[in-house]
Structures are given as structure tokens and as C-alpha cells.
Amino acid sequence: MVSQFPTVVVGLLFVLALVILSKSADKLIEKAVELSLHLGLSKVVIGATVLSVGTTLPEVASSVAAALGGNGQFGLGNAVGSMITNASLVLGIGALGGIIPVKKGMQQTFLFMSGLTLVFIGTSLVAGMGTGGGFFPRWSGIALLVLLPLYIWYTVKQKPDHLMDEIPEEKIEEESEKSKDSSLAASLMILLFSSLGVTVGATLLVATAETGAARLGIPDTVISSTIVAFGTSVPEVTTTLVAVRYGHGELAIGNVLGANMMNLLLVMGTTITLLPMGVAVPSSYYVIQFPVLIAIFILLSIPVLTKRVEAINRLQGFLLLGLYVLYIVTNFI
């Protein structure tokens, strides 16, 4: 039905889909946190599960919608593009807005994310050898989903600061007061309608993105890894700016690392697993997406792994933003 609309209408529906998806995801997370607190779960558990999954809910929903329609490359582009956007645009803007301290406890997560990403890229090269591109077999997606609960368990065990501070004590008291005034049935009803909004928003987002890409003559993998990835990463940009502004810059990199781990394990894992034949990787990814992602990891390794550097400074912020601009420009050349 979307393909029958004029291009201008398709563009407006694309923006509307992003708004519906974002707002529905926010409300879904809010009610999920409220119910979790009502059930007596700890802040760390809620942060590592509800909030961590919630930060990538727009990416998960849109990627699943695309995969169910047989378009695995859309989900791949969304996941990789979101990782690039989070690590370059989000942290770059945050570094220009203030100091982003790097705590040494983040080293293990960063090394695991970087190492797993390199192994994943290598797997696609080996599996796709002789095809002119790359390939992610279904078992690689299943492997990522198997690692997901192990990562969540490790996160809960480590009790990182960014999860401890996600839900302040006043939030718990506020939700406790709310729970007295609102019934469990009402909260579940809002949760249900929010889930419906996420589903509708994700489906509409994929349909409009695919239609717009076809009309503009641009591969939908480019649209998903740039425009869609930016749209679904807007909440992370806002959260980072607020955190830096109020002197909590250390939360920014923790949130970005957590969101990127979820994009890698949950979004990519789900997308690949849903497709019995796996996901083919366009050859352009080995020229643009993957090299840019690796360059970002190398740049971030300086403040994260070097003992003398304890923060992402403005110079590194400019370099991260420069990589993001380069990434966008090269995709549309």
C-alpha cells in the first residue's frame, strides 16, 4: 500500500513511523521499568535487562519486521549503522559538549565488543569466500543469541556504574507512589498498546524506507545503515547530551558500549537467526561500513585502554564526528 503513495507522502510517513516507534518504545520501557520495580527487581538487573534491551528496541523491532519480510540486509545495515552512529556521532557530540570520563572497568566490555566484532566480520569473509561479498550463516546468528544471556549475566555481576545510576532512588519512590494509584491491569494495558505501537511503527518504517530507497535508486542497505540508524539512535544522542550537561559524562560511554553490545548480540543475532538461508553481506560493507567501524574502535581504544588518558577529549570528539561525516558522505557518493 505504501508503494502507491507519492514520494512526498512516503517521506512524511517515514518520519511519522520514526516518531511512533520512538514514543512507543519510550512508553514501553517506562511501564516495563515500573512493573519491574513493582515486582521488586534490583536496579542493576533492570538496567542490564529492561533498559539495555529498551535502548535498542527501535532497532530490534525494525530489523525483525524486515527479516520477517525476507530482507535480512536491512537488519544488518540497521545494526552496523547504529553501532557506527552511537560510537561516532553520539560520543563525538558528547565530547564536544563536555568531558566524558573513561573508567578502567569498561576495558573488558570494550575489548569483548571489539574482538567479537572482528571475529564476526572475519566469519562473514570466510563464509562468503568466492561469492564477491560476504555471508553470515544462520549458525552465526544463533551463536550471538547464545552469548546474549551470558553478557547480561556478566553485566549484572560487574554492576557497572552506568546501570547503577540509570534508575535513581527518587525514581523508585516515584514509581512506588504511582503503583498505589494505578492498577496492574492499567499498566499492562498501556504496555500492550505500546507494544502495538512499536510493531506498527517498525513495520511502517521498513515499508517506507524500502519504497523510498527503490524510488531514489539507493540500496536499502544504505538507507538502513545511515538514515534509519540515525533516526533510531536519536534517543542515545539526547541521553548523552543530558548526561554530559549535568556532569555525568561517564554514563555516556557506558550507555554507548551497552547499546552497541545489544546491537551486535540482539539485533544482528535475531536478524540472522530469523532467516534460514542466512544474510548476504554486500561487498560495499568491506569498503565503507566495516573499515569505518574498525577505525572508530581504534580511535576509542586510546582513551579506553591507555593508562595516561582518562577521558574522551574534544579533539577525539572532532575526530569521531569527522569519521561519521566521512561515513555518511561515502555511502551516498
C-alpha atoms as a PDB file:
ATOM      1  CA  MET A   1       0.000   0.000   0.000  1.00  0.00           C
ATOM      2  CA  VAL A   2       2.863   2.380   0.827  1.00  0.00           C
ATOM      3  CA  SER A   3       4.339   1.929  -2.644  1.00  0.00           C
ATOM      4  CA  GLN A   4       1.199   3.524  -4.144  1.00  0.00           C
ATOM      5  CA  PHE A   5       1.686   6.842  -2.328  1.00  0.00           C
ATOM      6  CA  PRO A   6       3.556   9.856  -3.785  1.00  0.00           C
ATOM      7  CA  THR A   7       7.189  10.213  -2.749  1.00  0.00           C
ATOM      8  CA  VAL A   8       6.461  13.212  -0.510  1.00  0.00           C
ATOM      9  CA  VAL A   9       3.817  11.230   1.375  1.00  0.00           C
ATOM     10  CA  VAL A  10       6.220   8.300   1.729  1.00  0.00           C
ATOM     11  CA  GLY A  11       8.793  10.663   3.255  1.00  0.00           C
ATOM     12  CA  LEU A  12       6.252  12.040   5.726  1.00  0.00           C
ATOM     13  CA  LEU A  13       5.157   8.524   6.673  1.00  0.00           C
ATOM     14  CA  PHE A  14       8.813   7.610   7.248  1.00  0.00           C
ATOM     15  CA  VAL A  15       9.171  10.460   9.761  1.00  0.00           C
ATOM     16  CA  LEU A  16       5.827   9.532  11.340  1.00  0.00           C
ATOM     17  CA  ALA A  17       6.968   5.914  11.672  1.00  0.00           C
ATOM     18  CA  LEU A  18      10.144   7.026  13.486  1.00  0.00           C
ATOM     19  CA  VAL A  19       8.078   9.147  15.896  1.00  0.00           C
ATOM     20  CA  ILE A  20       5.585   6.342  16.581  1.00  0.00           C
ATOM     21  CA  LEU A  21       8.384   3.817  17.075  1.00  0.00           C
ATOM     22  CA  SER A  22      10.406   6.086  19.372  1.00  0.00           C
ATOM     23  CA  LYS A  23       7.486   7.259  21.526  1.00  0.00           C
ATOM     24  CA  SER A  24       6.004   3.774  21.812  1.00  0.00           C
ATOM     25  CA  ALA A  25       9.393   2.343  22.776  1.00  0.00           C
ATOM     26  CA  ASP A  26       9.835   5.033  25.454  1.00  0.00           C
ATOM     27  CA  LYS A  27       6.423   4.303  26.955  1.00  0.00           C
ATOM     28  CA  LEU A  28       7.036   0.555  26.754  1.00  0.00           C
ATOM     29  CA  ILE A  29      10.330   0.899  28.620  1.00  0.00           C
ATOM     30  CA  GLU A  30       8.744   3.206  31.206  1.00  0.00           C
ATOM     31  CA  LYS A  31       5.981   0.742  32.005  1.00  0.00           C
ATOM     32  CA  ALA A  32       8.366  -2.230  31.926  1.00  0.00           C
ATOM     33  CA  VAL A  33      10.597  -0.494  34.473  1.00  0.00           C
ATOM     34  CA  GLU A  34       7.552   0.392  36.595  1.00  0.00           C
ATOM     35  CA  LEU A  35       6.356  -3.219  36.618  1.00  0.00           C
ATOM     36  CA  SER A  36       9.892  -4.491  37.309  1.00  0.00           C
ATOM     37  CA  LEU A  37      10.222  -2.192  40.303  1.00  0.00           C
ATOM     38  CA  HIS A  38       6.782  -3.278  41.452  1.00  0.00           C
ATOM     39  CA  LEU A  39       7.964  -6.901  41.336  1.00  0.00           C
ATOM     40  CA  GLY A  40      10.988  -6.000  43.479  1.00  0.00           C
ATOM     41  CA  LEU A  41      13.790  -6.448  40.919  1.00  0.00           C
ATOM     42  CA  SER A  42      17.072  -4.669  41.679  1.00  0.00           C
ATOM     43  CA  LYS A  43      18.245  -1.575  39.817  1.00  0.00           C
ATOM     44  CA  VAL A  44      21.189  -3.441  38.305  1.00  0.00           C
ATOM     45  CA  VAL A  45      19.017  -6.271  36.965  1.00  0.00           C
ATOM     46  CA  ILE A  46      16.524  -3.800  35.491  1.00  0.00           C
ATOM     47  CA  GLY A  47      19.339  -1.751  33.953  1.00  0.00           C
ATOM     48  CA  ALA A  48      21.005  -4.800  32.436  1.00  0.00           C
ATOM     49  CA  THR A  49      17.796  -6.277  31.046  1.00  0.00           C
ATOM     50  CA  VAL A  50      14.837  -3.915  30.597  1.00  0.00           C
ATOM     51  CA  LEU A  51      16.801  -0.731  29.922  1.00  0.00           C
ATOM     52  CA  SER A  52      19.605  -2.359  27.910  1.00  0.00           C
ATOM     53  CA  VAL A  53      17.147  -4.104  25.621  1.00  0.00           C
ATOM     54  CA  GLY A  54      14.990  -0.972  25.579  1.00  0.00           C
ATOM     55  CA  THR A  55      17.789   1.202  24.178  1.00  0.00           C
ATOM     56  CA  THR A  56      17.869  -0.971  21.052  1.00  0.00           C
ATOM     57  CA  LEU A  57      14.131  -1.688  20.889  1.00  0.00           C
ATOM     58  CA  PRO A  58      13.605   0.508  17.759  1.00  0.00           C
ATOM     59  CA  GLU A  59      16.479  -1.299  16.010  1.00  0.00           C
ATOM     60  CA  VAL A  60      15.224  -4.721  17.110  1.00  0.00           C
ATOM     61  CA  ALA A  61      11.637  -4.044  16.034  1.00  0.00           C
ATOM     62  CA  SER A  62      12.517  -2.628  12.608  1.00  0.00           C
ATOM     63  CA  SER A  63      15.106  -5.343  11.928  1.00  0.00           C
ATOM     64  CA  VAL A  64      12.703  -8.131  12.891  1.00  0.00           C
ATOM     65  CA  ALA A  65       9.989  -6.601  10.699  1.00  0.00           C
ATOM     66  CA  ALA A  66      12.427  -6.518   7.772  1.00  0.00           C
ATOM     67  CA  ALA A  67      13.708 -10.052   8.420  1.00  0.00           C
ATOM     68  CA  LEU A  68      10.171 -11.446   8.551  1.00  0.00           C
ATOM     69  CA  GLY A  69       9.689  -9.877   5.122  1.00  0.00           C
ATOM     70  CA  GLY A  70      12.832 -11.649   3.887  1.00  0.00           C
ATOM     71  CA  ASN A  71      15.049  -8.545   3.904  1.00  0.00           C
ATOM     72  CA  GLY A  72      17.958  -9.523   6.142  1.00  0.00           C
ATOM     73  CA  GLN A  73      20.283  -6.859   4.741  1.00  0.00           C
ATOM     74  CA  PHE A  74      18.022  -4.129   6.159  1.00  0.00           C
ATOM     75  CA  GLY A  75      18.533  -5.501   9.667  1.00  0.00           C
ATOM     76  CA  LEU A  76      22.266  -5.896   9.067  1.00  0.00           C
ATOM     77  CA  GLY A  77      22.549  -2.287   7.900  1.00  0.00           C
ATOM     78  CA  ASN A  78      20.463  -1.049  10.828  1.00  0.00           C
ATOM     79  CA  ALA A  79      22.630  -2.862  13.398  1.00  0.00           C
ATOM     80  CA  VAL A  80      26.011  -1.916  11.898  1.00  0.00           C
ATOM     81  CA  GLY A  81      24.870   1.636  11.151  1.00  0.00           C
ATOM     82  CA  SER A  82      23.588   2.086  14.710  1.00  0.00           C
ATOM     83  CA  MET A  83      26.902   0.870  16.130  1.00  0.00           C
ATOM     84  CA  ILE A  84      28.745   3.402  13.972  1.00  0.00           C
ATOM     85  CA  THR A  85      26.302   6.198  14.828  1.00  0.00           C
ATOM     86  CA  ASN A  86      26.433   5.514  18.572  1.00  0.00           C
ATOM     87  CA  ALA A  87      30.228   5.279  18.763  1.00  0.00           C
ATOM     88  CA  SER A  88      30.995   8.248  16.492  1.00  0.00           C
ATOM     89  CA  LEU A  89      28.098  10.725  16.378  1.00  0.00           C
ATOM     90  CA  VAL A  90      26.780  10.206  19.914  1.00  0.00           C
ATOM     91  CA  LEU A  91      30.166  10.143  21.679  1.00  0.00           C
ATOM     92  CA  GLY A  92      31.523  12.850  19.363  1.00  0.00           C
ATOM     93  CA  ILE A  93      28.715  15.263  20.226  1.00  0.00           C
ATOM     94  CA  GLY A  94      29.051  14.334  23.894  1.00  0.00           C
ATOM     95  CA  ALA A  95      32.802  15.036  23.893  1.00  0.00           C
ATOM     96  CA  LEU A  96      32.236  18.468  22.343  1.00  0.00           C
ATOM     97  CA  GLY A  97      29.569  19.229  24.949  1.00  0.00           C
ATOM     98  CA  GLY A  98      31.747  18.326  27.929  1.00  0.00           C
ATOM     99  CA  ILE A  99      34.119  15.773  29.410  1.00  0.00           C
ATOM    100  CA  ILE A 100      33.410  12.047  29.005  1.00  0.00           C
ATOM    101  CA  PRO A 101      35.466  10.274  31.696  1.00  0.00           C
ATOM    102  CA  VAL A 102      36.503   6.700  30.936  1.00  0.00           C
ATOM    103  CA  LYS A 103      36.594   4.315  33.873  1.00  0.00           C
ATOM    104  CA  LYS A 104      39.003   1.411  33.623  1.00  0.00           C
ATOM    105  CA  GLY A 105      36.226  -1.061  34.393  1.00  0.00           C
ATOM    106  CA  MET A 106      34.984  -0.519  30.837  1.00  0.00           C
ATOM    107  CA  GLN A 107      38.085  -2.113  29.320  1.00  0.00           C
ATOM    108  CA  GLN A 108      36.736  -5.671  29.420  1.00  0.00           C
ATOM    109  CA  THR A 109      33.447  -4.734  27.744  1.00  0.00           C
ATOM    110  CA  PHE A 110      35.232  -2.687  25.073  1.00  0.00           C
ATOM    111  CA  LEU A 111      37.741  -5.450  24.326  1.00  0.00           C
ATOM    112  CA  PHE A 112      34.978  -8.072  24.182  1.00  0.00           C
ATOM    113  CA  MET A 113      32.860  -5.920  21.842  1.00  0.00           C
ATOM    114  CA  SER A 114      35.811  -5.100  19.572  1.00  0.00           C
ATOM    115  CA  GLY A 115      37.095  -8.672  19.494  1.00  0.00           C
ATOM    116  CA  LEU A 116      33.674 -10.168  18.839  1.00  0.00           C
ATOM    117  CA  THR A 117      33.041  -7.653  16.046  1.00  0.00           C
ATOM    118  CA  LEU A 118      36.336  -8.560  14.352  1.00  0.00           C
ATOM    119  CA  VAL A 119      35.572 -12.284  14.684  1.00  0.00           C
ATOM    120  CA  PHE A 120      32.114 -11.650  13.241  1.00  0.00           C
ATOM    121  CA  ILE A 121      33.496  -9.732  10.261  1.00  0.00           C
ATOM    122  CA  GLY A 122      36.082 -12.468   9.700  1.00  0.00           C
ATOM    123  CA  THR A 123      33.352 -15.117   9.799  1.00  0.00           C
ATOM    124  CA  SER A 124      31.420 -13.316   7.069  1.00  0.00           C
ATOM    125  CA  LEU A 125      34.551 -13.160   4.889  1.00  0.00           C
ATOM    126  CA  VAL A 126      35.323 -16.856   5.276  1.00  0.00           C
ATOM    127  CA  ALA A 127      31.689 -17.957   4.825  1.00  0.00           C
ATOM    128  CA  GLY A 128      31.266 -15.712   1.785  1.00  0.00           C
ATOM    129  CA  MET A 129      34.547 -16.602   0.108  1.00  0.00           C
ATOM    130  CA  GLY A 130      34.139 -16.763  -3.642  1.00  0.00           C
ATOM    131  CA  THR A 131      30.740 -15.007  -3.672  1.00  0.00           C
ATOM    132  CA  GLY A 132      32.017 -11.493  -4.375  1.00  0.00           C
ATOM    133  CA  GLY A 133      30.912 -10.313  -0.951  1.00  0.00           C
ATOM    134  CA  GLY A 134      30.359 -11.763   2.490  1.00  0.00           C
ATOM    135  CA  PHE A 135      27.860 -14.044   4.161  1.00  0.00           C
ATOM    136  CA  PHE A 136      26.541 -14.587   7.684  1.00  0.00           C
ATOM    137  CA  PRO A 137      25.306 -18.180   8.073  1.00  0.00           C
ATOM    138  CA  ARG A 138      22.356 -18.844  10.347  1.00  0.00           C
ATOM    139  CA  TRP A 139      24.516 -20.557  12.971  1.00  0.00           C
ATOM    140  CA  SER A 140      26.460 -17.309  13.492  1.00  0.00           C
ATOM    141  CA  GLY A 141      23.209 -15.550  14.457  1.00  0.00           C
ATOM    142  CA  ILE A 142      22.325 -18.355  16.860  1.00  0.00           C
ATOM    143  CA  ALA A 143      25.806 -18.071  18.398  1.00  0.00           C
ATOM    144  CA  LEU A 144      25.248 -14.351  19.041  1.00  0.00           C
ATOM    145  CA  LEU A 145      21.903 -15.031  20.739  1.00  0.00           C
ATOM    146  CA  VAL A 146      23.560 -17.694  22.916  1.00  0.00           C
ATOM    147  CA  LEU A 147      26.134 -15.104  24.026  1.00  0.00           C
ATOM    148  CA  LEU A 148      23.394 -12.577  24.906  1.00  0.00           C
ATOM    149  CA  PRO A 149      22.312 -14.060  28.286  1.00  0.00           C
ATOM    150  CA  LEU A 150      25.972 -14.648  29.170  1.00  0.00           C
ATOM    151  CA  TYR A 151      26.697 -10.962  28.519  1.00  0.00           C
ATOM    152  CA  ILE A 152      23.700  -9.890  30.618  1.00  0.00           C
ATOM    153  CA  TRP A 153      24.823 -12.198  33.445  1.00  0.00           C
ATOM    154  CA  TYR A 154      28.336 -10.730  33.283  1.00  0.00           C
ATOM    155  CA  THR A 155      26.928  -7.178  33.293  1.00  0.00           C
ATOM    156  CA  VAL A 156      24.778  -7.857  36.368  1.00  0.00           C
ATOM    157  CA  LYS A 157      27.743  -9.472  38.124  1.00  0.00           C
ATOM    158  CA  GLN A 158      30.029  -6.492  37.430  1.00  0.00           C
ATOM    159  CA  LYS A 159      27.376  -3.922  38.497  1.00  0.00           C
ATOM    160  CA  PRO A 160      28.701  -1.110  36.262  1.00  0.00           C
ATOM    161  CA  ASP A 161      28.115   2.478  37.386  1.00  0.00           C
ATOM    162  CA  HIS A 162      26.033   3.430  34.370  1.00  0.00           C
ATOM    163  CA  LEU A 163      23.485   0.758  35.308  1.00  0.00           C
ATOM    164  CA  MET A 164      23.521   1.706  38.991  1.00  0.00           C
ATOM    165  CA  ASP A 165      22.748   5.313  38.111  1.00  0.00           C
ATOM    166  CA  GLU A 166      20.153   4.567  35.423  1.00  0.00           C
ATOM    167  CA  ILE A 167      17.347   4.427  37.987  1.00  0.00           C
ATOM    168  CA  PRO A 168      17.899   6.857  40.878  1.00  0.00           C
ATOM    169  CA  GLU A 169      16.363   6.254  44.300  1.00  0.00           C
ATOM    170  CA  GLU A 170      13.803   9.024  43.759  1.00  0.00           C
ATOM    171  CA  LYS A 171      12.607   7.140  40.658  1.00  0.00           C
ATOM    172  CA  ILE A 172      11.963   4.056  42.771  1.00  0.00           C
ATOM    173  CA  GLU A 173       9.995   6.125  45.294  1.00  0.00           C
ATOM    174  CA  GLU A 174       8.104   7.835  42.474  1.00  0.00           C
ATOM    175  CA  GLU A 175       7.163   4.522  40.873  1.00  0.00           C
ATOM    176  CA  SER A 176       6.143   3.150  44.268  1.00  0.00           C
ATOM    177  CA  GLU A 177       3.716   6.046  44.675  1.00  0.00           C
ATOM    178  CA  LYS A 178       2.445   5.544  41.129  1.00  0.00           C
ATOM    179  CA  SER A 179       1.825   1.872  41.726  1.00  0.00           C
ATOM    180  CA  LYS A 180      -0.534   2.787  44.545  1.00  0.00           C
ATOM    181  CA  ASP A 181      -2.614   4.971  42.257  1.00  0.00           C
ATOM    182  CA  SER A 182      -2.570   2.829  39.127  1.00  0.00           C
ATOM    183  CA  SER A 183      -3.728  -0.745  38.869  1.00  0.00           C
ATOM    184  CA  LEU A 184      -1.653  -3.572  37.459  1.00  0.00           C
ATOM    185  CA  ALA A 185      -4.286  -4.075  34.752  1.00  0.00           C
ATOM    186  CA  ALA A 186      -3.938  -0.453  33.585  1.00  0.00           C
ATOM    187  CA  SER A 187      -0.144  -0.752  33.386  1.00  0.00           C
ATOM    188  CA  LEU A 188      -0.419  -3.990  31.429  1.00  0.00           C
ATOM    189  CA  MET A 189      -2.904  -2.346  29.055  1.00  0.00           C
ATOM    190  CA  ILE A 190      -0.505   0.547  28.389  1.00  0.00           C
ATOM    191  CA  LEU A 191       2.288  -1.991  27.925  1.00  0.00           C
ATOM    192  CA  LEU A 192       0.162  -3.837  25.360  1.00  0.00           C
ATOM    193  CA  PHE A 193      -0.725  -0.697  23.386  1.00  0.00           C
ATOM    194  CA  SER A 194       2.910   0.446  23.482  1.00  0.00           C
ATOM    195  CA  SER A 195       3.972  -2.923  22.067  1.00  0.00           C
ATOM    196  CA  LEU A 196       1.385  -2.491  19.319  1.00  0.00           C
ATOM    197  CA  GLY A 197       2.774   0.986  18.591  1.00  0.00           C
ATOM    198  CA  VAL A 198       6.297  -0.418  18.327  1.00  0.00           C
ATOM    199  CA  THR A 199       5.084  -3.098  15.912  1.00  0.00           C
ATOM    200  CA  VAL A 200       3.131  -0.660  13.732  1.00  0.00           C
ATOM    201  CA  GLY A 201       5.948   1.914  13.767  1.00  0.00           C
ATOM    202  CA  ALA A 202       8.591  -0.662  12.857  1.00  0.00           C
ATOM    203  CA  THR A 203       6.526  -2.158  10.034  1.00  0.00           C
ATOM    204  CA  LEU A 204       5.738   1.273   8.588  1.00  0.00           C
ATOM    205  CA  LEU A 205       9.381   2.351   8.944  1.00  0.00           C
ATOM    206  CA  VAL A 206      10.643  -0.632   6.958  1.00  0.00           C
ATOM    207  CA  ALA A 207       7.973  -0.260   4.266  1.00  0.00           C
ATOM    208  CA  THR A 208       8.613   3.454   3.735  1.00  0.00           C
ATOM    209  CA  ALA A 209      12.416   3.035   3.829  1.00  0.00           C
ATOM    210  CA  GLU A 210      12.323   0.256   1.222  1.00  0.00           C
ATOM    211  CA  THR A 211       9.918   2.215  -1.009  1.00  0.00           C
ATOM    212  CA  GLY A 212      11.921   5.432  -0.708  1.00  0.00           C
ATOM    213  CA  ALA A 213      15.194   3.641  -1.422  1.00  0.00           C
ATOM    214  CA  ALA A 214      13.766   1.996  -4.530  1.00  0.00           C
ATOM    215  CA  ARG A 215      12.465   5.295  -5.907  1.00  0.00           C
ATOM    216  CA  LEU A 216      15.715   7.129  -5.231  1.00  0.00           C
ATOM    217  CA  GLY A 217      17.768   4.315  -6.727  1.00  0.00           C
ATOM    218  CA  ILE A 218      19.671   3.840  -3.474  1.00  0.00           C
ATOM    219  CA  PRO A 219      20.190   0.351  -1.964  1.00  0.00           C
ATOM    220  CA  ASP A 220      18.026  -0.097   1.125  1.00  0.00           C
ATOM    221  CA  THR A 221      21.134  -1.322   2.965  1.00  0.00           C
ATOM    222  CA  VAL A 222      22.499   2.230   2.611  1.00  0.00           C
ATOM    223  CA  ILE A 223      19.233   3.763   3.832  1.00  0.00           C
ATOM    224  CA  SER A 224      19.062   1.392   6.816  1.00  0.00           C
ATOM    225  CA  SER A 225      22.710   1.918   7.808  1.00  0.00           C
ATOM    226  CA  THR A 226      22.530   5.724   7.603  1.00  0.00           C
ATOM    227  CA  ILE A 227      19.131   7.429   7.806  1.00  0.00           C
ATOM    228  CA  VAL A 228      17.280   4.682   9.705  1.00  0.00           C
ATOM    229  CA  ALA A 229      20.272   4.121  12.009  1.00  0.00           C
ATOM    230  CA  PHE A 230      20.399   7.848  12.764  1.00  0.00           C
ATOM    231  CA  GLY A 231      16.667   8.005  13.465  1.00  0.00           C
ATOM    232  CA  THR A 232      16.739   5.076  15.857  1.00  0.00           C
ATOM    233  CA  SER A 233      19.841   6.491  17.618  1.00  0.00           C
ATOM    234  CA  VAL A 234      18.337   9.914  18.382  1.00  0.00           C
ATOM    235  CA  PRO A 235      17.368   8.833  21.958  1.00  0.00           C
ATOM    236  CA  GLU A 236      21.009   7.960  22.670  1.00  0.00           C
ATOM    237  CA  VAL A 237      22.115  11.412  21.423  1.00  0.00           C
ATOM    238  CA  THR A 238      19.632  13.120  23.757  1.00  0.00           C
ATOM    239  CA  THR A 239      20.582  10.926  26.731  1.00  0.00           C
ATOM    240  CA  THR A 240      24.299  11.567  26.186  1.00  0.00           C
ATOM    241  CA  LEU A 241      23.899  15.345  25.958  1.00  0.00           C
ATOM    242  CA  VAL A 242      21.823  15.424  29.160  1.00  0.00           C
ATOM    243  CA  ALA A 243      24.336  13.208  30.982  1.00  0.00           C
ATOM    244  CA  VAL A 244      27.304  15.362  29.918  1.00  0.00           C
ATOM    245  CA  ARG A 245      25.491  18.604  30.688  1.00  0.00           C
ATOM    246  CA  TYR A 246      24.808  17.560  34.280  1.00  0.00           C
ATOM    247  CA  GLY A 247      28.329  16.284  34.881  1.00  0.00           C
ATOM    248  CA  HIS A 248      27.635  12.573  34.399  1.00  0.00           C
ATOM    249  CA  GLY A 249      29.703  12.090  31.247  1.00  0.00           C
ATOM    250  CA  GLU A 250      30.926   8.710  32.488  1.00  0.00           C
ATOM    251  CA  LEU A 251      27.403   7.367  31.852  1.00  0.00           C
ATOM    252  CA  ALA A 252      27.639   8.238  28.147  1.00  0.00           C
ATOM    253  CA  ILE A 253      30.323   5.765  27.107  1.00  0.00           C
ATOM    254  CA  GLY A 254      28.795   3.064  29.330  1.00  0.00           C
ATOM    255  CA  ASN A 255      25.440   3.522  27.603  1.00  0.00           C
ATOM    256  CA  VAL A 256      27.046   3.508  24.153  1.00  0.00           C
ATOM    257  CA  LEU A 257      29.023   0.330  24.841  1.00  0.00           C
ATOM    258  CA  GLY A 258      25.883  -1.322  26.219  1.00  0.00           C
ATOM    259  CA  ALA A 259      23.765  -0.239  23.244  1.00  0.00           C
ATOM    260  CA  ASN A 260      26.404  -1.450  20.775  1.00  0.00           C
ATOM    261  CA  MET A 261      26.657  -4.819  22.508  1.00  0.00           C
ATOM    262  CA  MET A 262      22.879  -5.148  22.188  1.00  0.00           C
ATOM    263  CA  ASN A 263      23.027  -4.161  18.510  1.00  0.00           C
ATOM    264  CA  LEU A 264      25.657  -6.815  17.913  1.00  0.00           C
ATOM    265  CA  LEU A 265      24.215  -9.643  20.010  1.00  0.00           C
ATOM    266  CA  LEU A 266      20.463  -8.997  19.916  1.00  0.00           C
ATOM    267  CA  VAL A 267      19.729  -7.098  16.686  1.00  0.00           C
ATOM    268  CA  MET A 268      22.196  -8.890  14.416  1.00  0.00           C
ATOM    269  CA  GLY A 269      21.683 -12.211  16.169  1.00  0.00           C
ATOM    270  CA  THR A 270      17.901 -12.053  15.769  1.00  0.00           C
ATOM    271  CA  THR A 271      18.063 -10.845  12.160  1.00  0.00           C
ATOM    272  CA  ILE A 272      20.396 -13.640  11.025  1.00  0.00           C
ATOM    273  CA  THR A 273      18.613 -16.347  13.028  1.00  0.00           C
ATOM    274  CA  LEU A 274      15.209 -15.492  11.534  1.00  0.00           C
ATOM    275  CA  LEU A 275      16.486 -16.166   8.017  1.00  0.00           C
ATOM    276  CA  PRO A 276      17.096 -19.904   7.328  1.00  0.00           C
ATOM    277  CA  MET A 277      19.453 -19.111   4.440  1.00  0.00           C
ATOM    278  CA  GLY A 278      21.483 -16.554   6.419  1.00  0.00           C
ATOM    279  CA  VAL A 279      22.268 -12.989   5.351  1.00  0.00           C
ATOM    280  CA  ALA A 280      24.420 -11.951   2.397  1.00  0.00           C
ATOM    281  CA  VAL A 281      26.776  -9.021   3.045  1.00  0.00           C
ATOM    282  CA  PRO A 282      27.211  -6.503   0.187  1.00  0.00           C
ATOM    283  CA  SER A 283      30.816  -6.025  -0.933  1.00  0.00           C
ATOM    284  CA  SER A 284      30.495  -2.292  -0.166  1.00  0.00           C
ATOM    285  CA  TYR A 285      30.449  -3.123   3.557  1.00  0.00           C
ATOM    286  CA  TYR A 286      34.092  -4.179   3.374  1.00  0.00           C
ATOM    287  CA  VAL A 287      34.946  -0.829   1.771  1.00  0.00           C
ATOM    288  CA  ILE A 288      32.863   1.542   3.922  1.00  0.00           C
ATOM    289  CA  GLN A 289      30.890   0.181   6.914  1.00  0.00           C
ATOM    290  CA  PHE A 290      33.358  -2.289   8.424  1.00  0.00           C
ATOM    291  CA  PRO A 291      36.540  -0.167   7.900  1.00  0.00           C
ATOM    292  CA  VAL A 292      34.823   2.880   9.463  1.00  0.00           C
ATOM    293  CA  LEU A 293      33.633   0.785  12.424  1.00  0.00           C
ATOM    294  CA  ILE A 294      37.159  -0.579  12.965  1.00  0.00           C
ATOM    295  CA  ALA A 295      38.647   2.938  12.675  1.00  0.00           C
ATOM    296  CA  ILE A 296      36.223   4.148  15.370  1.00  0.00           C
ATOM    297  CA  PHE A 297      37.224   1.269  17.653  1.00  0.00           C
ATOM    298  CA  ILE A 298      40.912   2.106  17.140  1.00  0.00           C
ATOM    299  CA  LEU A 299      40.278   5.769  18.000  1.00  0.00           C
ATOM    300  CA  LEU A 300      38.265   4.853  21.111  1.00  0.00           C
ATOM    301  CA  SER A 301      40.956   2.417  22.243  1.00  0.00           C
ATOM    302  CA  ILE A 302      43.206   5.399  23.065  1.00  0.00           C
ATOM    303  CA  PRO A 303      41.075   6.764  25.955  1.00  0.00           C
ATOM    304  CA  VAL A 304      39.685   3.360  26.972  1.00  0.00           C
ATOM    305  CA  LEU A 305      42.872   1.278  27.024  1.00  0.00           C
ATOM    306  CA  THR A 306      45.658   3.828  27.577  1.00  0.00           C
ATOM    307  CA  LYS A 307      46.520   4.408  31.233  1.00  0.00           C
ATOM    308  CA  ARG A 308      47.554   8.043  30.731  1.00  0.00           C
ATOM    309  CA  VAL A 309      44.264   9.071  29.108  1.00  0.00           C
ATOM    310  CA  GLU A 310      41.226   9.192  31.355  1.00  0.00           C
ATOM    311  CA  ALA A 311      38.619  10.887  29.169  1.00  0.00           C
ATOM    312  CA  ILE A 312      37.410  11.363  25.605  1.00  0.00           C
ATOM    313  CA  ASN A 313      38.529  14.931  24.884  1.00  0.00           C
ATOM    314  CA  ARG A 314      37.287  17.467  22.353  1.00  0.00           C
ATOM    315  CA  LEU A 315      39.961  16.609  19.779  1.00  0.00           C
ATOM    316  CA  GLN A 316      38.849  12.986  19.816  1.00  0.00           C
ATOM    317  CA  GLY A 317      35.256  14.221  19.669  1.00  0.00           C
ATOM    318  CA  PHE A 318      36.039  16.149  16.469  1.00  0.00           C
ATOM    319  CA  LEU A 319      37.774  13.085  15.011  1.00  0.00           C
ATOM    320  CA  LEU A 320      34.778  10.872  15.848  1.00  0.00           C
ATOM    321  CA  LEU A 321      32.400  13.351  14.209  1.00  0.00           C
ATOM    322  CA  GLY A 322      34.756  13.537  11.225  1.00  0.00           C
ATOM    323  CA  LEU A 323      34.573   9.759  10.832  1.00  0.00           C
ATOM    324  CA  TYR A 324      30.773   9.920  10.979  1.00  0.00           C
ATOM    325  CA  VAL A 325      30.628  12.629   8.298  1.00  0.00           C
ATOM    326  CA  LEU A 326      33.044  10.610   6.143  1.00  0.00           C
ATOM    327  CA  TYR A 327      30.861   7.556   6.641  1.00  0.00           C
ATOM    328  CA  ILE A 328      27.695   9.380   5.534  1.00  0.00           C
ATOM    329  CA  VAL A 329      29.340  11.044   2.526  1.00  0.00           C
ATOM    330  CA  THR A 330      30.973   7.849   1.216  1.00  0.00           C
ATOM    331  CA  ASN A 331      27.678   5.976   1.448  1.00  0.00           C
ATOM    332  CA  PHE A 332      25.914   8.430  -0.868  1.00  0.00           C
ATOM    333  CA  ILE A 333      28.707   9.024  -3.392  1.00  0.00           C
END
